[in-house]
PDB file of N, CA and C in Angstrom:
ATOM      1  N   MET A   1     100.899 122.208  71.584  1.00  0.00           N
ATOM      2  CA  MET A   1     102.073 123.041  71.904  1.00  0.00           C
ATOM      3  C   MET A   1     102.605 122.147  73.074  1.00  0.00           C
ATOM      4  N   VAL A   2     102.384 121.298  73.805  1.00  0.00           N
ATOM      5  CA  VAL A   2     102.717 120.809  74.742  1.00  0.00           C
ATOM      6  C   VAL A   2     103.713 119.701  74.516  1.00  0.00           C
ATOM      7  N   ALA A   3     103.103 119.093  73.288  1.00  0.00           N
ATOM      8  CA  ALA A   3     103.900 118.045  72.398  1.00  0.00           C
ATOM      9  C   ALA A   3     104.937 118.261  71.921  1.00  0.00           C
ATOM     10  N   ARG A   4     104.689 119.412  70.947  1.00  0.00           N
ATOM     11  CA  ARG A   4     105.937 119.988  70.386  1.00  0.00           C
ATOM     12  C   ARG A   4     107.180 120.594  71.289  1.00  0.00           C
ATOM     13  N   ARG A   5     106.853 120.956  72.391  1.00  0.00           N
ATOM     14  CA  ARG A   5     107.849 121.947  73.521  1.00  0.00           C
ATOM     15  C   ARG A   5     108.493 120.078  73.722  1.00  0.00           C
ATOM     16  N   LEU A   6     107.709 119.191  74.272  1.00  0.00           N
ATOM     17  CA  LEU A   6     108.650 118.193  74.685  1.00  0.00           C
ATOM     18  C   LEU A   6     109.503 117.544  73.653  1.00  0.00           C
ATOM     19  N   VAL A   7     109.002 117.411  72.202  1.00  0.00           N
ATOM     20  CA  VAL A   7     109.918 116.911  71.113  1.00  0.00           C
ATOM     21  C   VAL A   7     111.369 117.353  71.098  1.00  0.00           C
ATOM     22  N   ASP A   8     110.719 118.909  70.953  1.00  0.00           N
ATOM     23  CA  ASP A   8     111.778 120.205  70.829  1.00  0.00           C
ATOM     24  C   ASP A   8     112.803 120.105  71.781  1.00  0.00           C
ATOM     25  N   SER A   9     112.486 119.924  72.836  1.00  0.00           N
ATOM     26  CA  SER A   9     113.428 120.350  74.109  1.00  0.00           C
ATOM     27  C   SER A   9     114.157 118.798  74.400  1.00  0.00           C
ATOM     28  N   SER A  10     113.839 117.562  74.048  1.00  0.00           N
ATOM     29  CA  SER A  10     114.577 116.551  74.423  1.00  0.00           C
ATOM     30  C   SER A  10     115.322 115.613  73.151  1.00  0.00           C
ATOM     31  N   THR A  11     116.711 115.348  72.970  1.00  0.00           N
ATOM     32  CA  THR A  11     117.343 114.698  71.839  1.00  0.00           C
ATOM     33  C   THR A  11     116.479 113.629  71.861  1.00  0.00           C
ATOM     34  N   ASP A  12     115.813 112.859  72.806  1.00  0.00           N
ATOM     35  CA  ASP A  12     115.815 111.517  72.527  1.00  0.00           C
ATOM     36  C   ASP A  12     114.435 111.140  72.457  1.00  0.00           C
ATOM     37  N   VAL A  13     113.572 112.116  72.613  1.00  0.00           N
ATOM     38  CA  VAL A  13     111.728 112.103  72.177  1.00  0.00           C
ATOM     39  C   VAL A  13     111.976 112.110  71.091  1.00  0.00           C
ATOM     40  N   ILE A  14     111.262 111.197  70.277  1.00  0.00           N
ATOM     41  CA  ILE A  14     111.151 111.414  68.454  1.00  0.00           C
ATOM     42  C   ILE A  14     109.756 111.661  68.387  1.00  0.00           C
ATOM     43  N   ALA A  15     108.752 111.310  69.153  1.00  0.00           N
ATOM     44  CA  ALA A  15     107.065 111.541  68.639  1.00  0.00           C
ATOM     45  C   ALA A  15     106.547 111.641  70.264  1.00  0.00           C
ATOM     46  N   ALA A  16     105.624 112.610  70.229  1.00  0.00           N
ATOM     47  CA  ALA A  16     104.726 112.732  71.466  1.00  0.00           C
ATOM     48  C   ALA A  16     103.469 112.792  70.862  1.00  0.00           C
ATOM     49  N   VAL A  17     102.408 112.257  71.805  1.00  0.00           N
ATOM     50  CA  VAL A  17     100.922 112.539  71.543  1.00  0.00           C
ATOM     51  C   VAL A  17     100.217 112.818  72.916  1.00  0.00           C
ATOM     52  N   ILE A  18      99.120 113.511  73.014  1.00  0.00           N
ATOM     53  CA  ILE A  18      98.195 113.957  73.950  1.00  0.00           C
ATOM     54  C   ILE A  18      97.243 113.711  73.943  1.00  0.00           C
ATOM     55  N   LEU A  19      96.112 112.678  74.498  1.00  0.00           N
ATOM     56  CA  LEU A  19      94.986 112.039  74.537  1.00  0.00           C
ATOM     57  C   LEU A  19      94.031 112.665  75.475  1.00  0.00           C
ATOM     58  N   ASP A  20      92.929 113.022  75.272  1.00  0.00           N
ATOM     59  CA  ASP A  20      92.058 113.528  76.246  1.00  0.00           C
ATOM     60  C   ASP A  20      91.404 112.071  77.151  1.00  0.00           C
ATOM     61  N   ALA A  21      90.889 112.289  78.129  1.00  0.00           N
ATOM     62  CA  ALA A  21      90.300 111.334  79.064  1.00  0.00           C
ATOM     63  C   ALA A  21      89.437 110.382  78.254  1.00  0.00           C
ATOM     64  N   ALA A  22      88.651 110.558  77.183  1.00  0.00           N
ATOM     65  CA  ALA A  22      88.230 109.688  76.391  1.00  0.00           C
ATOM     66  C   ALA A  22      89.133 109.016  75.363  1.00  0.00           C
ATOM     67  N   GLY A  23      90.154 109.570  74.971  1.00  0.00           N
ATOM     68  CA  GLY A  23      91.048 108.501  73.847  1.00  0.00           C
ATOM     69  C   GLY A  23      91.380 109.512  72.498  1.00  0.00           C
ATOM     70  N   GLY A  24      90.679 110.676  72.885  1.00  0.00           N
ATOM     71  CA  GLY A  24      90.671 111.610  71.580  1.00  0.00           C
ATOM     72  C   GLY A  24      91.903 112.311  71.348  1.00  0.00           C
ATOM     73  N   LEU A  25      92.555 111.981  70.099  1.00  0.00           N
ATOM     74  CA  LEU A  25      93.383 113.075  69.924  1.00  0.00           C
ATOM     75  C   LEU A  25      93.765 114.533  70.202  1.00  0.00           C
ATOM     76  N   VAL A  26      94.693 115.349  71.032  1.00  0.00           N
ATOM     77  CA  VAL A  26      94.549 116.455  71.384  1.00  0.00           C
ATOM     78  C   VAL A  26      95.664 117.309  70.942  1.00  0.00           C
ATOM     79  N   ASP A  27      96.931 116.511  70.962  1.00  0.00           N
ATOM     80  CA  ASP A  27      98.191 117.223  70.410  1.00  0.00           C
ATOM     81  C   ASP A  27      99.100 116.355  69.825  1.00  0.00           C
ATOM     82  N   THR A  28      99.988 116.430  69.045  1.00  0.00           N
ATOM     83  CA  THR A  28     101.037 115.789  68.394  1.00  0.00           C
ATOM     84  C   THR A  28     102.144 116.921  68.118  1.00  0.00           C
ATOM     85  N   SER A  29     102.882 115.634  67.832  1.00  0.00           N
ATOM     86  CA  SER A  29     104.535 116.437  67.518  1.00  0.00           C
ATOM     87  C   SER A  29     105.221 115.400  66.920  1.00  0.00           C
ATOM     88  N   GLY A  30     106.078 115.461  65.805  1.00  0.00           N
ATOM     89  CA  GLY A  30     107.049 114.325  65.632  1.00  0.00           C
ATOM     90  C   GLY A  30     106.460 113.272  64.213  1.00  0.00           C
ATOM     91  N   VAL A  31     105.380 113.483  64.304  1.00  0.00           N
ATOM     92  CA  VAL A  31     104.798 112.535  63.321  1.00  0.00           C
ATOM     93  C   VAL A  31     103.905 113.194  62.484  1.00  0.00           C
ATOM     94  N   GLU A  32     103.658 113.040  61.068  1.00  0.00           N
ATOM     95  CA  GLU A  32     102.699 113.393  60.224  1.00  0.00           C
ATOM     96  C   GLU A  32     101.234 113.076  60.613  1.00  0.00           C
ATOM     97  N   GLN A  33     100.141 113.767  60.392  1.00  0.00           N
ATOM     98  CA  GLN A  33      98.822 113.360  60.982  1.00  0.00           C
ATOM     99  C   GLN A  33      98.075 112.009  60.698  1.00  0.00           C
ATOM    100  N   GLY A  34      98.356 111.582  59.960  1.00  0.00           N
ATOM    101  CA  GLY A  34      97.820 110.121  59.573  1.00  0.00           C
ATOM    102  C   GLY A  34      98.406 108.952  60.954  1.00  0.00           C
ATOM    103  N   ARG A  35      99.771 109.598  60.784  1.00  0.00           N
ATOM    104  CA  ARG A  35     100.440 108.394  61.903  1.00  0.00           C
ATOM    105  C   ARG A  35     100.123 108.858  63.360  1.00  0.00           C
ATOM    106  N   ALA A  36      99.687 110.199  63.427  1.00  0.00           N
ATOM    107  CA  ALA A  36      99.805 110.631  64.532  1.00  0.00           C
ATOM    108  C   ALA A  36      98.293 110.163  65.150  1.00  0.00           C
ATOM    109  N   ARG A  37      97.573 109.816  64.174  1.00  0.00           N
ATOM    110  CA  ARG A  37      96.431 109.115  65.032  1.00  0.00           C
ATOM    111  C   ARG A  37      96.668 107.616  65.276  1.00  0.00           C
ATOM    112  N   GLU A  38      97.595 106.937  64.139  1.00  0.00           N
ATOM    113  CA  GLU A  38      97.838 105.522  64.840  1.00  0.00           C
ATOM    114  C   GLU A  38      98.467 105.396  66.017  1.00  0.00           C
ATOM    115  N   LEU A  39      99.368 106.458  66.184  1.00  0.00           N
ATOM    116  CA  LEU A  39     100.019 106.685  67.479  1.00  0.00           C
ATOM    117  C   LEU A  39      99.401 106.669  68.817  1.00  0.00           C
ATOM    118  N   ALA A  40      98.291 107.386  68.499  1.00  0.00           N
ATOM    119  CA  ALA A  40      97.403 107.963  69.559  1.00  0.00           C
ATOM    120  C   ALA A  40      96.460 106.631  69.943  1.00  0.00           C
ATOM    121  N   GLU A  41      96.107 106.057  68.684  1.00  0.00           N
ATOM    122  CA  GLU A  41      94.906 104.788  69.040  1.00  0.00           C
ATOM    123  C   GLU A  41      96.171 103.724  69.622  1.00  0.00           C
ATOM    124  N   LEU A  42      97.236 103.513  69.508  1.00  0.00           N
ATOM    125  CA  LEU A  42      98.358 102.715  70.259  1.00  0.00           C
ATOM    126  C   LEU A  42      98.560 102.929  71.544  1.00  0.00           C
ATOM    127  N   ALA A  43      98.643 104.131  71.801  1.00  0.00           N
ATOM    128  CA  ALA A  43      98.778 104.705  73.335  1.00  0.00           C
ATOM    129  C   ALA A  43      97.608 104.375  73.924  1.00  0.00           C
ATOM    130  N   ARG A  44      96.394 104.676  73.324  1.00  0.00           N
ATOM    131  CA  ARG A  44      95.265 104.358  74.072  1.00  0.00           C
ATOM    132  C   ARG A  44      94.940 102.675  74.442  1.00  0.00           C
ATOM    133  N   GLN A  45      95.194 102.093  73.548  1.00  0.00           N
ATOM    134  CA  GLN A  45      95.341 100.695  73.645  1.00  0.00           C
ATOM    135  C   GLN A  45      96.137 100.142  75.011  1.00  0.00           C
ATOM    136  N   LEU A  46      97.628 101.021  74.767  1.00  0.00           N
ATOM    137  CA  LEU A  46      98.295 100.599  75.575  1.00  0.00           C
ATOM    138  C   LEU A  46      98.067 100.653  77.374  1.00  0.00           C
ATOM    139  N   VAL A  47      97.474 102.227  77.196  1.00  0.00           N
ATOM    140  CA  VAL A  47      96.768 102.248  78.587  1.00  0.00           C
ATOM    141  C   VAL A  47      95.886 101.506  79.085  1.00  0.00           C
ATOM    142  N   GLU A  48      94.882 101.311  77.832  1.00  0.00           N
ATOM    143  CA  GLU A  48      93.918 100.461  78.422  1.00  0.00           C
ATOM    144  C   GLU A  48      94.190  99.061  78.973  1.00  0.00           C
ATOM    145  N   ARG A  49      95.082  98.344  78.033  1.00  0.00           N
ATOM    146  CA  ARG A  49      95.369  96.996  78.424  1.00  0.00           C
ATOM    147  C   ARG A  49      96.423  97.074  79.756  1.00  0.00           C
ATOM    148  N   ALA A  50      97.160  98.026  80.076  1.00  0.00           N
ATOM    149  CA  ALA A  50      97.889  97.975  81.155  1.00  0.00           C
ATOM    150  C   ALA A  50      96.849  98.417  82.525  1.00  0.00           C
ATOM    151  N   ASP A  51      95.833  99.108  82.457  1.00  0.00           N
ATOM    152  CA  ASP A  51      94.859  98.893  83.587  1.00  0.00           C
ATOM    153  C   ASP A  51      94.362  97.460  83.726  1.00  0.00           C
ATOM    154  N   THR A  52      93.796  97.073  82.501  1.00  0.00           N
ATOM    155  CA  THR A  52      93.387  95.497  82.673  1.00  0.00           C
ATOM    156  C   THR A  52      94.233  94.273  83.381  1.00  0.00           C
ATOM    157  N   VAL A  53      95.566  94.500  83.102  1.00  0.00           N
ATOM    158  CA  VAL A  53      95.907  93.791  83.654  1.00  0.00           C
ATOM    159  C   VAL A  53      96.580  94.021  85.255  1.00  0.00           C
ATOM    160  N   THR A  54      96.719  95.477  85.640  1.00  0.00           N
ATOM    161  CA  THR A  54      96.920  95.545  87.252  1.00  0.00           C
ATOM    162  C   THR A  54      95.332  95.713  88.022  1.00  0.00           C
ATOM    163  N   GLY A  55      94.336  95.957  87.087  1.00  0.00           N
ATOM    164  CA  GLY A  55      92.988  96.049  87.918  1.00  0.00           C
ATOM    165  C   GLY A  55      92.871  97.426  88.136  1.00  0.00           C
ATOM    166  N   ASP A  56      93.807  98.479  88.019  1.00  0.00           N
ATOM    167  CA  ASP A  56      93.446 100.002  88.824  1.00  0.00           C
ATOM    168  C   ASP A  56      94.330 100.818  87.665  1.00  0.00           C
ATOM    169  N   PRO A  57      93.828 102.030  87.683  1.00  0.00           N
ATOM    170  CA  PRO A  57      94.498 102.760  86.797  1.00  0.00           C
ATOM    171  C   PRO A  57      96.085 102.972  86.740  1.00  0.00           C
ATOM    172  N   VAL A  58      96.688 103.259  85.804  1.00  0.00           N
ATOM    173  CA  VAL A  58      98.270 102.877  85.957  1.00  0.00           C
ATOM    174  C   VAL A  58      98.654 104.335  85.256  1.00  0.00           C
ATOM    175  N   ALA A  59      99.575 104.983  86.398  1.00  0.00           N
ATOM    176  CA  ALA A  59      99.785 106.094  85.811  1.00  0.00           C
ATOM    177  C   ALA A  59     101.105 106.619  85.421  1.00  0.00           C
ATOM    178  N   GLU A  60     101.832 105.578  85.367  1.00  0.00           N
ATOM    179  CA  GLU A  60     103.244 105.624  84.356  1.00  0.00           C
ATOM    180  C   GLU A  60     103.325 104.064  83.280  1.00  0.00           C
ATOM    181  N   ILE A  61     103.962 103.917  82.394  1.00  0.00           N
ATOM    182  CA  ILE A  61     104.003 103.079  81.606  1.00  0.00           C
ATOM    183  C   ILE A  61     105.382 103.298  80.836  1.00  0.00           C
ATOM    184  N   GLU A  62     106.071 102.227  81.028  1.00  0.00           N
ATOM    185  CA  GLU A  62     107.521 102.483  79.882  1.00  0.00           C
ATOM    186  C   GLU A  62     107.597 100.745  79.605  1.00  0.00           C
ATOM    187  N   VAL A  63     107.991 101.063  78.219  1.00  0.00           N
ATOM    188  CA  VAL A  63     107.695  99.816  77.467  1.00  0.00           C
ATOM    189  C   VAL A  63     109.309  99.751  76.749  1.00  0.00           C
ATOM    190  N   GLN A  64     110.012  98.799  76.848  1.00  0.00           N
ATOM    191  CA  GLN A  64     111.319  99.095  76.368  1.00  0.00           C
ATOM    192  C   GLN A  64     111.626  97.908  74.685  1.00  0.00           C
ATOM    193  N   ALA A  65     112.133  98.448  73.874  1.00  0.00           N
ATOM    194  CA  ALA A  65     112.004  97.417  73.003  1.00  0.00           C
ATOM    195  C   ALA A  65     113.381  97.622  72.047  1.00  0.00           C
ATOM    196  N   SER A  66     113.976  96.856  71.125  1.00  0.00           N
ATOM    197  CA  SER A  66     115.013  96.747  70.825  1.00  0.00           C
ATOM    198  C   SER A  66     115.756  98.199  70.192  1.00  0.00           C
ATOM    199  N   GLY A  67     114.872  98.670  69.445  1.00  0.00           N
ATOM    200  CA  GLY A  67     115.013  99.837  68.772  1.00  0.00           C
ATOM    201  C   GLY A  67     114.820 101.275  69.625  1.00  0.00           C
ATOM    202  N   GLY A  68     114.100 101.175  70.679  1.00  0.00           N
ATOM    203  CA  GLY A  68     113.689 102.342  71.427  1.00  0.00           C
ATOM    204  C   GLY A  68     112.757 101.922  72.646  1.00  0.00           C
ATOM    205  N   ALA A  69     111.827 103.104  72.526  1.00  0.00           N
ATOM    206  CA  ALA A  69     110.933 102.586  74.103  1.00  0.00           C
ATOM    207  C   ALA A  69     109.572 103.718  73.903  1.00  0.00           C
ATOM    208  N   VAL A  70     108.864 103.069  74.683  1.00  0.00           N
ATOM    209  CA  VAL A  70     107.587 104.222  74.557  1.00  0.00           C
ATOM    210  C   VAL A  70     107.099 104.418  76.055  1.00  0.00           C
ATOM    211  N   PHE A  71     106.667 105.548  76.370  1.00  0.00           N
ATOM    212  CA  PHE A  71     106.728 105.941  77.835  1.00  0.00           C
ATOM    213  C   PHE A  71     105.081 106.466  77.482  1.00  0.00           C
ATOM    214  N   ALA A  72     104.441 106.388  78.784  1.00  0.00           N
ATOM    215  CA  ALA A  72     103.141 107.190  78.849  1.00  0.00           C
ATOM    216  C   ALA A  72     102.896 107.460  80.466  1.00  0.00           C
ATOM    217  N   VAL A  73     102.428 108.857  80.466  1.00  0.00           N
ATOM    218  CA  VAL A  73     101.796 109.355  81.900  1.00  0.00           C
ATOM    219  C   VAL A  73     100.703 109.737  81.663  1.00  0.00           C
ATOM    220  N   ARG A  74     100.015 109.687  82.813  1.00  0.00           N
ATOM    221  CA  ARG A  74      98.468 110.443  82.685  1.00  0.00           C
ATOM    222  C   ARG A  74      98.123 110.499  83.867  1.00  0.00           C
ATOM    223  N   ASP A  75      97.229 111.595  83.596  1.00  0.00           N
ATOM    224  CA  ASP A  75      96.140 111.980  85.104  1.00  0.00           C
ATOM    225  C   ASP A  75      94.672 111.794  84.661  1.00  0.00           C
ATOM    226  N   ALA A  76      93.827 112.747  85.135  1.00  0.00           N
ATOM    227  CA  ALA A  76      92.290 112.228  85.006  1.00  0.00           C
ATOM    228  C   ALA A  76      91.759 112.935  83.914  1.00  0.00           C
ATOM    229  N   ARG A  77      92.547 113.733  83.355  1.00  0.00           N
ATOM    230  CA  ARG A  77      92.239 114.296  82.140  1.00  0.00           C
ATOM    231  C   ARG A  77      92.639 114.033  80.716  1.00  0.00           C
ATOM    232  N   HIS A  78      94.120 113.832  80.757  1.00  0.00           N
ATOM    233  CA  HIS A  78      94.781 113.444  79.496  1.00  0.00           C
ATOM    234  C   HIS A  78      95.908 112.345  79.752  1.00  0.00           C
ATOM    235  N   VAL A  79      96.337 111.734  78.506  1.00  0.00           N
ATOM    236  CA  VAL A  79      97.354 111.001  78.525  1.00  0.00           C
ATOM    237  C   VAL A  79      98.313 111.418  77.757  1.00  0.00           C
ATOM    238  N   LEU A  80      99.946 111.328  78.177  1.00  0.00           N
ATOM    239  CA  LEU A  80     100.655 111.917  77.225  1.00  0.00           C
ATOM    240  C   LEU A  80     101.773 110.710  76.964  1.00  0.00           C
ATOM    241  N   ALA A  81     101.945 110.442  75.934  1.00  0.00           N
ATOM    242  CA  ALA A  81     102.785 109.324  75.496  1.00  0.00           C
ATOM    243  C   ALA A  81     103.674 109.656  74.220  1.00  0.00           C
ATOM    244  N   CYS A  82     104.859 109.104  74.432  1.00  0.00           N
ATOM    245  CA  CYS A  82     106.064 109.298  73.396  1.00  0.00           C
ATOM    246  C   CYS A  82     106.585 108.103  73.248  1.00  0.00           C
ATOM    247  N   VAL A  83     107.375 108.072  72.078  1.00  0.00           N
ATOM    248  CA  VAL A  83     108.442 107.299  71.761  1.00  0.00           C
ATOM    249  C   VAL A  83     109.550 107.774  71.380  1.00  0.00           C
ATOM    250  N   THR A  84     110.474 107.145  71.883  1.00  0.00           N
ATOM    251  CA  THR A  84     112.271 107.526  72.050  1.00  0.00           C
ATOM    252  C   THR A  84     113.157 106.586  71.670  1.00  0.00           C
ATOM    253  N   ARG A  85     114.336 107.501  71.639  1.00  0.00           N
ATOM    254  CA  ARG A  85     115.724 106.323  70.841  1.00  0.00           C
ATOM    255  C   ARG A  85     115.944 105.395  71.906  1.00  0.00           C
ATOM    256  N   ARG A  86     116.468 104.466  71.968  1.00  0.00           N
ATOM    257  CA  ARG A  86     116.967 103.222  72.704  1.00  0.00           C
ATOM    258  C   ARG A  86     117.978 104.100  73.977  1.00  0.00           C
ATOM    259  N   ALA A  87     118.634 104.957  73.563  1.00  0.00           N
ATOM    260  CA  ALA A  87     119.400 105.553  74.727  1.00  0.00           C
ATOM    261  C   ALA A  87     118.990 106.473  76.068  1.00  0.00           C
ATOM    262  N   ALA A  88     117.613 106.663  75.442  1.00  0.00           N
ATOM    263  CA  ALA A  88     116.936 107.530  76.451  1.00  0.00           C
ATOM    264  C   ALA A  88     116.819 106.879  78.142  1.00  0.00           C
ATOM    265  N   LEU A  89     117.271 107.931  78.941  1.00  0.00           N
ATOM    266  CA  LEU A  89     117.187 107.558  80.253  1.00  0.00           C
ATOM    267  C   LEU A  89     115.693 107.685  80.641  1.00  0.00           C
ATOM    268  N   PRO A  90     114.990 106.465  81.353  1.00  0.00           N
ATOM    269  CA  PRO A  90     113.550 106.391  81.579  1.00  0.00           C
ATOM    270  C   PRO A  90     113.570 107.472  82.495  1.00  0.00           C
ATOM    271  N   ALA A  91     114.299 107.517  83.794  1.00  0.00           N
ATOM    272  CA  ALA A  91     113.855 108.712  84.918  1.00  0.00           C
ATOM    273  C   ALA A  91     113.692 109.971  84.330  1.00  0.00           C
ATOM    274  N   LEU A  92     114.685 110.286  83.456  1.00  0.00           N
ATOM    275  CA  LEU A  92     114.448 111.613  82.927  1.00  0.00           C
ATOM    276  C   LEU A  92     113.276 111.739  81.922  1.00  0.00           C
ATOM    277  N   VAL A  93     113.164 110.818  81.351  1.00  0.00           N
ATOM    278  CA  VAL A  93     111.500 110.926  79.822  1.00  0.00           C
ATOM    279  C   VAL A  93     110.410 110.962  81.085  1.00  0.00           C
ATOM    280  N   LEU A  94     110.546 110.124  81.880  1.00  0.00           N
ATOM    281  CA  LEU A  94     109.557 110.178  82.793  1.00  0.00           C
ATOM    282  C   LEU A  94     109.177 111.842  83.666  1.00  0.00           C
ATOM    283  N   TYR A  95     110.184 111.994  83.842  1.00  0.00           N
ATOM    284  CA  TYR A  95     110.493 113.204  84.464  1.00  0.00           C
ATOM    285  C   TYR A  95     109.573 114.746  83.539  1.00  0.00           C
ATOM    286  N   ASP A  96     110.098 114.243  82.587  1.00  0.00           N
ATOM    287  CA  ASP A  96     109.909 115.481  81.545  1.00  0.00           C
ATOM    288  C   ASP A  96     108.395 115.072  81.369  1.00  0.00           C
ATOM    289  N   LEU A  97     107.874 114.053  81.231  1.00  0.00           N
ATOM    290  CA  LEU A  97     106.506 113.727  80.757  1.00  0.00           C
ATOM    291  C   LEU A  97     105.507 114.372  81.876  1.00  0.00           C
ATOM    292  N   ARG A  98     105.866 113.823  83.238  1.00  0.00           N
ATOM    293  CA  ARG A  98     105.201 114.425  84.095  1.00  0.00           C
ATOM    294  C   ARG A  98     104.955 115.955  84.229  1.00  0.00           C
ATOM    295  N   HIS A  99     106.140 116.680  83.972  1.00  0.00           N
ATOM    296  CA  HIS A  99     106.131 118.074  84.015  1.00  0.00           C
ATOM    297  C   HIS A  99     105.423 118.598  82.799  1.00  0.00           C
ATOM    298  N   ALA A 100     105.214 117.916  81.666  1.00  0.00           N
ATOM    299  CA  ALA A 100     104.673 118.061  80.461  1.00  0.00           C
ATOM    300  C   ALA A 100     102.976 118.207  80.766  1.00  0.00           C
ATOM    301  N   LEU A 101     102.759 116.872  81.435  1.00  0.00           N
ATOM    302  CA  LEU A 101     101.583 116.888  81.797  1.00  0.00           C
ATOM    303  C   LEU A 101     100.782 117.854  82.810  1.00  0.00           C
ATOM    304  N   GLY A 102     101.564 118.429  83.449  1.00  0.00           N
ATOM    305  CA  GLY A 102     101.502 119.206  84.539  1.00  0.00           C
ATOM    306  C   GLY A 102     101.053 120.598  83.852  1.00  0.00           C
ATOM    307  N   GLU A 103     101.898 120.925  82.759  1.00  0.00           N
ATOM    308  CA  GLU A 103     101.237 121.994  81.778  1.00  0.00           C
ATOM    309  C   GLU A 103     100.006 121.675  81.737  1.00  0.00           C
ATOM    310  N   LEU A 104      98.979 120.820  81.215  1.00  0.00           N
ATOM    311  CA  LEU A 104      97.990 120.335  80.630  1.00  0.00           C
ATOM    312  C   LEU A 104      97.095 120.755  81.731  1.00  0.00           C
ATOM    313  N   THR A 105      97.448 120.869  82.831  1.00  0.00           N
ATOM    314  CA  THR A 105      96.532 121.225  84.091  1.00  0.00           C
ATOM    315  C   THR A 105      96.258 122.595  84.603  1.00  0.00           C
ATOM    316  N   PRO A 106      95.011 123.256  84.509  1.00  0.00           N
ATOM    317  CA  PRO A 106      95.092 124.560  84.860  1.00  0.00           C
ATOM    318  C   PRO A 106      95.335 124.724  86.127  1.00  0.00           C
ATOM    319  N   ALA A 107      95.875 125.577  86.519  1.00  0.00           N
ATOM    320  CA  ALA A 107      96.336 126.087  88.003  1.00  0.00           C
ATOM    321  C   ALA A 107      95.103 126.453  88.916  1.00  0.00           C
TER     322      ALA A 107
END
């Protein structure tokens, strides 16, 4: 439900996936099931490679491409990644992702 709310509330977010700490798909929105698994695997690889480059766990990732962007945020329990249109404002997308990630953490 968190992924769906993120996609539904933003005109720039095209698709979103939520992974658990082990990289398993928890939730998705904006893509069909087969593509969701592919997006989840790509998000897992992105986070893994970012950690390898920095040597530390990366909390936020932003990748810009000619047709859009990919953003990811994470905590100890989840990774939340999304694909956006090119015009998306990075600060706003990251804010929305952090807020959505907070919804996944029990109070």
